[in-house]
Amino acid sequence: EGVWEAYLQVVVEDPEPGVSRALVIAGADKRGTIYGLYDLAERAGVSPWAWWADVPVRVRPELHVAPGSSADWPRVKYRGIFINDEK
C-alpha cells in the first residue's frame, strides 16, 4: 500500500472451502499487478518481453511455486521501455 507499481506474490493456505492452496498476485496499482505477472512468467521460463505467440516455450511436466511470499517495487519512480526502431 502506498508504493508505486509494487507487487506481492504470496502462497495462501486454505483460502476458501475446497481450495487447499492458492497463489495470489496483488499489485499496489494496475502496473504493479502486471509486473507481478511478468515476474512469475519470467521465473517460469517465459520471457515477458517477447511476443508470446512467436517464442517457443520450454514444455515442463510440472511447475511448482514455493511456499512463502515475494514482493518487489521499482527503485525509481518512472521506468519505461524504449525500442530503438530507427534504421
C-alpha atoms as a PDB file:
ATOM      1  CA  GLU A   1       0.000   0.000   0.000  1.00  0.00           C
ATOM      2  CA  GLY A   2       1.290   3.439  -0.904  1.00  0.00           C
ATOM      3  CA  VAL A   3       4.157   2.153  -3.057  1.00  0.00           C
ATOM      4  CA  TRP A   4       4.303   2.983  -6.768  1.00  0.00           C
ATOM      5  CA  GLU A   5       3.955  -0.128  -9.019  1.00  0.00           C
ATOM      6  CA  ALA A   6       4.716  -2.594  -6.194  1.00  0.00           C
ATOM      7  CA  TYR A   7       3.530  -6.192  -6.217  1.00  0.00           C
ATOM      8  CA  LEU A   8       3.228  -9.076  -3.799  1.00  0.00           C
ATOM      9  CA  GLN A   9       3.177 -12.760  -4.657  1.00  0.00           C
ATOM     10  CA  VAL A  10       2.089 -14.986  -1.799  1.00  0.00           C
ATOM     11  CA  VAL A  11       1.038 -18.604  -1.403  1.00  0.00           C
ATOM     12  CA  VAL A  12      -2.080 -18.740   0.778  1.00  0.00           C
ATOM     13  CA  GLU A  13      -3.077 -21.924   2.602  1.00  0.00           C
ATOM     14  CA  ASP A  14      -6.812 -22.778   2.673  1.00  0.00           C
ATOM     15  CA  PRO A  15      -8.005 -19.529   1.058  1.00  0.00           C
ATOM     16  CA  GLU A  16     -11.586 -20.836   0.819  1.00  0.00           C
ATOM     17  CA  PRO A  17     -13.509 -24.083   1.206  1.00  0.00           C
ATOM     18  CA  GLY A  18     -12.409 -26.684  -1.340  1.00  0.00           C
ATOM     19  CA  VAL A  19      -9.146 -24.898  -2.185  1.00  0.00           C
ATOM     20  CA  SER A  20      -6.126 -26.125  -0.245  1.00  0.00           C
ATOM     21  CA  ARG A  21      -3.591 -23.629  -1.581  1.00  0.00           C
ATOM     22  CA  ALA A  22      -3.582 -20.619  -3.922  1.00  0.00           C
ATOM     23  CA  LEU A  23      -1.030 -18.268  -5.437  1.00  0.00           C
ATOM     24  CA  VAL A  24      -2.165 -14.664  -5.042  1.00  0.00           C
ATOM     25  CA  ILE A  25      -0.570 -11.824  -7.006  1.00  0.00           C
ATOM     26  CA  ALA A  26      -1.609  -8.394  -5.790  1.00  0.00           C
ATOM     27  CA  GLY A  27      -0.414  -5.024  -7.009  1.00  0.00           C
ATOM     28  CA  ALA A  28      -0.393  -1.601  -5.417  1.00  0.00           C
ATOM     29  CA  ASP A  29      -1.866  -0.435  -8.729  1.00  0.00           C
ATOM     30  CA  LYS A  30      -2.567  -1.883 -12.190  1.00  0.00           C
ATOM     31  CA  ARG A  31       1.056  -1.715 -13.296  1.00  0.00           C
ATOM     32  CA  GLY A  32       2.174  -3.359 -10.077  1.00  0.00           C
ATOM     33  CA  THR A  33      -0.091  -6.321 -10.771  1.00  0.00           C
ATOM     34  CA  ILE A  34       1.216  -6.551 -14.344  1.00  0.00           C
ATOM     35  CA  TYR A  35       4.835  -6.527 -13.158  1.00  0.00           C
ATOM     36  CA  GLY A  36       3.934  -9.270 -10.670  1.00  0.00           C
ATOM     37  CA  LEU A  37       2.611 -11.378 -13.550  1.00  0.00           C
ATOM     38  CA  TYR A  38       5.697 -10.588 -15.648  1.00  0.00           C
ATOM     39  CA  ASP A  39       7.936 -11.740 -12.799  1.00  0.00           C
ATOM     40  CA  LEU A  40       6.025 -15.010 -12.454  1.00  0.00           C
ATOM     41  CA  ALA A  41       6.235 -15.637 -16.222  1.00  0.00           C
ATOM     42  CA  GLU A  42       9.979 -14.945 -16.222  1.00  0.00           C
ATOM     43  CA  ARG A  43      10.598 -17.303 -13.299  1.00  0.00           C
ATOM     44  CA  ALA A  44       8.599 -19.976 -15.157  1.00  0.00           C
ATOM     45  CA  GLY A  45      10.998 -19.633 -18.102  1.00  0.00           C
ATOM     46  CA  VAL A  46       8.887 -17.446 -20.396  1.00  0.00           C
ATOM     47  CA  SER A  47      10.306 -14.072 -21.332  1.00  0.00           C
ATOM     48  CA  PRO A  48       7.688 -11.434 -20.562  1.00  0.00           C
ATOM     49  CA  TRP A  49       9.286  -9.118 -23.118  1.00  0.00           C
ATOM     50  CA  ALA A  50       8.988 -11.450 -26.126  1.00  0.00           C
ATOM     51  CA  TRP A  51       5.842 -11.759 -28.228  1.00  0.00           C
ATOM     52  CA  TRP A  52       4.443 -14.922 -26.647  1.00  0.00           C
ATOM     53  CA  ALA A  53       2.873 -16.186 -29.864  1.00  0.00           C
ATOM     54  CA  ASP A  54       6.267 -16.271 -31.623  1.00  0.00           C
ATOM     55  CA  VAL A  55       8.558 -17.680 -28.936  1.00  0.00           C
ATOM     56  CA  PRO A  56       8.622 -21.423 -28.311  1.00  0.00           C
ATOM     57  CA  VAL A  57       8.139 -22.166 -24.630  1.00  0.00           C
ATOM     58  CA  ARG A  58      10.056 -24.963 -22.967  1.00  0.00           C
ATOM     59  CA  VAL A  59       7.453 -27.575 -22.030  1.00  0.00           C
ATOM     60  CA  ARG A  60       7.715 -28.778 -18.452  1.00  0.00           C
ATOM     61  CA  PRO A  61       5.703 -31.625 -16.966  1.00  0.00           C
ATOM     62  CA  GLU A  62       5.234 -29.708 -13.718  1.00  0.00           C
ATOM     63  CA  LEU A  63       5.679 -26.222 -12.344  1.00  0.00           C
ATOM     64  CA  HIS A  64       5.937 -25.612  -8.611  1.00  0.00           C
ATOM     65  CA  VAL A  65       5.677 -22.448  -6.568  1.00  0.00           C
ATOM     66  CA  ALA A  66       7.489 -22.478  -3.234  1.00  0.00           C
ATOM     67  CA  PRO A  67       5.502 -21.510  -0.142  1.00  0.00           C
ATOM     68  CA  GLY A  68       6.025 -18.034   1.221  1.00  0.00           C
ATOM     69  CA  SER A  69       5.867 -14.608  -0.287  1.00  0.00           C
ATOM     70  CA  SER A  70       7.827 -12.306  -2.552  1.00  0.00           C
ATOM     71  CA  ALA A  71       7.448  -8.562  -3.005  1.00  0.00           C
ATOM     72  CA  ASP A  72       9.186  -6.065  -5.256  1.00  0.00           C
ATOM     73  CA  TRP A  73       8.854  -2.479  -6.407  1.00  0.00           C
ATOM     74  CA  PRO A  74      10.815  -0.139  -8.670  1.00  0.00           C
ATOM     75  CA  ARG A  75      13.707   1.790  -7.178  1.00  0.00           C
ATOM     76  CA  VAL A  76      12.918   4.744  -9.429  1.00  0.00           C
ATOM     77  CA  LYS A  77       9.543   6.406  -9.870  1.00  0.00           C
ATOM     78  CA  TYR A  78       9.387   6.333 -13.663  1.00  0.00           C
ATOM     79  CA  ARG A  79      10.538   3.495 -15.879  1.00  0.00           C
ATOM     80  CA  GLY A  80       9.851   2.582 -19.446  1.00  0.00           C
ATOM     81  CA  ILE A  81      10.811   0.592 -22.466  1.00  0.00           C
ATOM     82  CA  PHE A  82      12.327   2.466 -25.360  1.00  0.00           C
ATOM     83  CA  ILE A  83      12.548   0.494 -28.572  1.00  0.00           C
ATOM     84  CA  ASN A  84      15.113   1.831 -30.993  1.00  0.00           C
ATOM     85  CA  ASP A  85      13.303   1.356 -34.289  1.00  0.00           C
ATOM     86  CA  GLU A  86      15.498   3.717 -36.259  1.00  0.00           C
ATOM     87  CA  LYS A  87      17.376   2.180 -39.161  1.00  0.00           C
END
